Amino acid sequence: MPIITCDIRNGRTKEQKHQLAMQLTEAVVEATGCDIDHIFLVMREMPGFNFVDAGEHVPEYVPGPDGMDMAGHEQIKSRKEKASHN
């Protein structure tokens, strides 16, 4: 029985979480040929601070157009700008 675990930051809508769960499950069905009835998924939501990317705590999820993570986008943009100045 495949078990999928997915950790995400707080802030997604129920619809977004449902879509994520269904698409992850479908990907496992396609990759393994396992019947969907035998796939179990656990989704854990946590504050952004619990995630650390490149040594920086991740900000809280801020929804943007088409579900884009505006806060995460700004953090990556800032990191790239710092890197280009070094």
N, C-alpha and C. Protein backbone atom coordinates (compact mmCIF):
# COMPACT_ATOMS: atom_id res chain seq x y z
N MET A 1 0.84 -1.17 0.00
CA MET A 1 0.00 0.00 0.00
C MET A 1 0.89 1.25 0.00
N PRO A 2 0.85 2.04 -1.07
CA PRO A 2 1.60 3.30 -1.07
C PRO A 2 1.02 4.28 -0.06
N ILE A 3 1.92 4.94 0.68
CA ILE A 3 1.51 5.99 1.61
C ILE A 3 2.21 7.26 1.15
N ILE A 4 1.42 8.29 0.90
CA ILE A 4 1.94 9.58 0.46
C ILE A 4 1.90 10.52 1.66
N THR A 5 3.01 11.20 1.93
CA THR A 5 3.00 12.23 2.96
C THR A 5 3.32 13.56 2.30
N CYS A 6 2.61 14.58 2.71
CA CYS A 6 2.74 15.89 2.10
C CYS A 6 2.70 16.94 3.21
N ASP A 7 3.78 17.70 3.35
CA ASP A 7 3.82 18.78 4.33
C ASP A 7 3.66 20.10 3.60
N ILE A 8 2.70 20.91 4.04
CA ILE A 8 2.48 22.22 3.43
C ILE A 8 2.30 23.26 4.52
N ARG A 9 2.51 24.51 4.15
CA ARG A 9 2.27 25.61 5.08
C ARG A 9 0.78 25.89 5.20
N ASN A 10 0.40 26.39 6.34
CA ASN A 10 -1.00 26.80 6.55
C ASN A 10 -1.39 27.84 5.51
N GLY A 11 -2.68 27.85 5.17
CA GLY A 11 -3.19 28.93 4.34
C GLY A 11 -3.89 28.52 3.07
N ARG A 12 -3.72 27.28 2.63
CA ARG A 12 -4.40 26.85 1.41
C ARG A 12 -5.88 26.63 1.69
N THR A 13 -6.68 26.80 0.67
CA THR A 13 -8.12 26.55 0.82
C THR A 13 -8.38 25.04 0.80
N LYS A 14 -9.57 24.66 1.23
CA LYS A 14 -9.95 23.24 1.16
C LYS A 14 -9.89 22.75 -0.28
N GLU A 15 -10.31 23.60 -1.21
CA GLU A 15 -10.30 23.21 -2.63
C GLU A 15 -8.86 22.98 -3.12
N GLN A 16 -7.93 23.84 -2.72
CA GLN A 16 -6.53 23.65 -3.12
C GLN A 16 -5.96 22.36 -2.54
N LYS A 17 -6.27 22.10 -1.28
CA LYS A 17 -5.77 20.88 -0.64
C LYS A 17 -6.38 19.64 -1.28
N HIS A 18 -7.64 19.72 -1.62
CA HIS A 18 -8.30 18.59 -2.30
C HIS A 18 -7.64 18.34 -3.66
N GLN A 19 -7.42 19.40 -4.41
CA GLN A 19 -6.78 19.25 -5.73
C GLN A 19 -5.38 18.67 -5.59
N LEU A 20 -4.62 19.16 -4.62
CA LEU A 20 -3.28 18.62 -4.38
C LEU A 20 -3.33 17.14 -4.05
N ALA A 21 -4.23 16.76 -3.15
CA ALA A 21 -4.36 15.36 -2.76
C ALA A 21 -4.73 14.48 -3.95
N MET A 22 -5.68 14.93 -4.76
CA MET A 22 -6.11 14.13 -5.90
C MET A 22 -5.00 13.99 -6.95
N GLN A 23 -4.29 15.08 -7.22
CA GLN A 23 -3.23 15.01 -8.23
C GLN A 23 -2.05 14.17 -7.76
N LEU A 24 -1.71 14.26 -6.47
CA LEU A 24 -0.64 13.40 -5.95
C LEU A 24 -1.05 11.93 -6.01
N THR A 25 -2.29 11.66 -5.64
CA THR A 25 -2.79 10.28 -5.69
C THR A 25 -2.79 9.76 -7.12
N GLU A 26 -3.26 10.56 -8.06
CA GLU A 26 -3.28 10.16 -9.47
C GLU A 26 -1.87 9.90 -9.99
N ALA A 27 -0.90 10.71 -9.55
CA ALA A 27 0.50 10.50 -9.99
C ALA A 27 1.03 9.16 -9.49
N VAL A 28 0.67 8.78 -8.27
CA VAL A 28 1.12 7.49 -7.73
C VAL A 28 0.43 6.34 -8.46
N VAL A 29 -0.85 6.50 -8.77
CA VAL A 29 -1.56 5.48 -9.55
C VAL A 29 -0.85 5.27 -10.88
N GLU A 30 -0.54 6.36 -11.58
CA GLU A 30 0.13 6.26 -12.88
C GLU A 30 1.52 5.66 -12.77
N ALA A 31 2.27 6.06 -11.76
CA ALA A 31 3.66 5.60 -11.63
C ALA A 31 3.77 4.16 -11.18
N THR A 32 2.83 3.70 -10.34
CA THR A 32 2.96 2.36 -9.77
C THR A 32 1.97 1.35 -10.32
N GLY A 33 0.88 1.83 -10.91
CA GLY A 33 -0.16 0.92 -11.36
C GLY A 33 -1.02 0.42 -10.22
N CYS A 34 -0.78 0.95 -9.04
CA CYS A 34 -1.55 0.55 -7.86
C CYS A 34 -2.97 1.09 -7.97
N ASP A 35 -3.93 0.32 -7.51
CA ASP A 35 -5.32 0.77 -7.51
C ASP A 35 -5.49 1.89 -6.49
N ILE A 36 -6.26 2.91 -6.84
CA ILE A 36 -6.46 4.06 -5.96
C ILE A 36 -7.00 3.65 -4.59
N ASP A 37 -7.74 2.55 -4.52
CA ASP A 37 -8.29 2.09 -3.25
C ASP A 37 -7.21 1.65 -2.26
N HIS A 38 -5.99 1.49 -2.73
CA HIS A 38 -4.90 1.05 -1.87
C HIS A 38 -3.89 2.15 -1.59
N ILE A 39 -4.24 3.39 -1.89
CA ILE A 39 -3.33 4.51 -1.68
C ILE A 39 -3.85 5.34 -0.50
N PHE A 40 -2.94 5.67 0.40
CA PHE A 40 -3.27 6.45 1.59
C PHE A 40 -2.43 7.72 1.56
N LEU A 41 -3.05 8.87 1.81
CA LEU A 41 -2.34 10.14 1.80
C LEU A 41 -2.53 10.86 3.12
N VAL A 42 -1.44 11.40 3.64
CA VAL A 42 -1.46 12.20 4.86
C VAL A 42 -0.95 13.59 4.49
N MET A 43 -1.77 14.62 4.76
CA MET A 43 -1.37 15.99 4.50
C MET A 43 -1.25 16.70 5.85
N ARG A 44 -0.05 17.25 6.10
CA ARG A 44 0.17 17.97 7.36
C ARG A 44 0.36 19.44 7.05
N GLU A 45 -0.35 20.28 7.79
CA GLU A 45 -0.21 21.73 7.62
C GLU A 45 0.49 22.30 8.84
N MET A 46 1.45 23.19 8.57
CA MET A 46 2.22 23.79 9.65
C MET A 46 2.48 25.25 9.32
N PRO A 47 2.86 26.03 10.34
CA PRO A 47 3.22 27.42 10.08
C PRO A 47 4.47 27.49 9.21
N GLY A 48 4.59 28.56 8.44
CA GLY A 48 5.76 28.73 7.58
C GLY A 48 7.06 28.66 8.35
N PHE A 49 7.07 29.16 9.58
CA PHE A 49 8.29 29.18 10.39
C PHE A 49 8.87 27.78 10.59
N ASN A 50 8.04 26.75 10.51
CA ASN A 50 8.52 25.38 10.68
C ASN A 50 9.29 24.86 9.48
N PHE A 51 9.29 25.62 8.38
CA PHE A 51 10.03 25.24 7.19
C PHE A 51 11.24 26.16 7.04
N VAL A 52 12.38 25.60 6.73
CA VAL A 52 13.60 26.39 6.55
C VAL A 52 14.17 26.06 5.18
N ASP A 53 14.34 27.09 4.36
CA ASP A 53 14.84 26.93 3.00
C ASP A 53 16.12 27.73 2.86
N ALA A 54 17.19 27.07 2.55
CA ALA A 54 18.51 27.72 2.38
C ALA A 54 18.87 28.53 3.62
N GLY A 55 18.57 27.99 4.80
CA GLY A 55 18.92 28.64 6.04
C GLY A 55 17.98 29.75 6.48
N GLU A 56 16.91 29.98 5.74
CA GLU A 56 15.96 31.03 6.10
C GLU A 56 14.60 30.41 6.40
N HIS A 57 13.99 30.89 7.50
CA HIS A 57 12.63 30.44 7.80
C HIS A 57 11.72 30.93 6.69
N VAL A 58 10.80 30.10 6.30
CA VAL A 58 9.89 30.40 5.20
C VAL A 58 8.73 31.24 5.75
N PRO A 59 8.31 32.28 5.01
CA PRO A 59 7.18 33.08 5.48
C PRO A 59 5.88 32.31 5.38
N GLU A 60 4.86 32.84 6.01
CA GLU A 60 3.53 32.25 5.88
C GLU A 60 3.09 32.33 4.42
N TYR A 61 2.30 31.38 4.01
CA TYR A 61 1.76 31.35 2.66
C TYR A 61 0.84 32.55 2.45
N VAL A 62 1.07 33.26 1.35
CA VAL A 62 0.22 34.39 0.97
C VAL A 62 -0.29 34.11 -0.43
N PRO A 63 -1.61 33.85 -0.57
CA PRO A 63 -2.13 33.49 -1.88
C PRO A 63 -2.07 34.64 -2.87
N GLY A 64 -1.68 34.31 -4.08
CA GLY A 64 -1.65 35.27 -5.18
C GLY A 64 -2.45 34.73 -6.34
N PRO A 65 -2.23 35.29 -7.53
CA PRO A 65 -2.96 34.83 -8.71
C PRO A 65 -2.74 33.33 -8.97
N ASP A 66 -3.80 32.63 -9.27
CA ASP A 66 -3.75 31.19 -9.58
C ASP A 66 -3.08 30.38 -8.48
N GLY A 67 -3.23 30.81 -7.23
CA GLY A 67 -2.66 30.07 -6.11
C GLY A 67 -1.17 30.27 -5.91
N MET A 68 -0.57 31.19 -6.67
CA MET A 68 0.87 31.46 -6.54
C MET A 68 1.17 31.88 -5.10
N ASP A 69 2.27 31.41 -4.57
CA ASP A 69 2.71 31.75 -3.22
C ASP A 69 3.49 33.06 -3.28
N MET A 70 2.84 34.16 -2.99
CA MET A 70 3.46 35.47 -3.11
C MET A 70 4.61 35.66 -2.12
N ALA A 71 4.44 35.21 -0.89
CA ALA A 71 5.49 35.36 0.11
C ALA A 71 6.71 34.52 -0.25
N GLY A 72 6.48 33.30 -0.67
CA GLY A 72 7.59 32.44 -1.09
C GLY A 72 8.29 32.99 -2.32
N HIS A 73 7.51 33.54 -3.23
CA HIS A 73 8.07 34.14 -4.44
C HIS A 73 9.00 35.30 -4.08
N GLU A 74 8.56 36.15 -3.15
CA GLU A 74 9.37 37.29 -2.73
C GLU A 74 10.64 36.82 -2.03
N GLN A 75 10.56 35.75 -1.24
CA GLN A 75 11.75 35.25 -0.55
C GLN A 75 12.77 34.73 -1.56
N ILE A 76 12.32 34.00 -2.56
CA ILE A 76 13.23 33.48 -3.58
C ILE A 76 13.82 34.63 -4.39
N LYS A 77 12.99 35.60 -4.74
CA LYS A 77 13.45 36.77 -5.50
C LYS A 77 14.54 37.52 -4.72
N SER A 78 14.32 37.71 -3.43
CA SER A 78 15.30 38.39 -2.59
C SER A 78 16.61 37.61 -2.52
N ARG A 79 16.51 36.28 -2.42
CA ARG A 79 17.71 35.44 -2.36
C ARG A 79 18.51 35.55 -3.67
N LYS A 80 17.81 35.55 -4.81
CA LYS A 80 18.49 35.66 -6.10
C LYS A 80 19.18 37.02 -6.24
N GLU A 81 18.52 38.07 -5.76
CA GLU A 81 19.11 39.41 -5.83
C GLU A 81 20.38 39.49 -4.98
N LYS A 82 20.34 38.89 -3.79
CA LYS A 82 21.52 38.86 -2.92
C LYS A 82 22.66 38.10 -3.59
N ALA A 83 22.33 36.97 -4.21
CA ALA A 83 23.34 36.15 -4.88
C ALA A 83 23.97 36.87 -6.06
N SER A 84 23.18 37.65 -6.78
CA SER A 84 23.72 38.36 -7.94
C SER A 84 24.65 39.50 -7.55
N HIS A 85 24.52 39.98 -6.30
CA HIS A 85 25.38 41.06 -5.83
C HIS A 85 26.67 40.54 -5.20
N ASN A 86 26.75 39.23 -5.03
CA ASN A 86 27.96 38.63 -4.41
C ASN A 86 28.94 38.19 -5.45
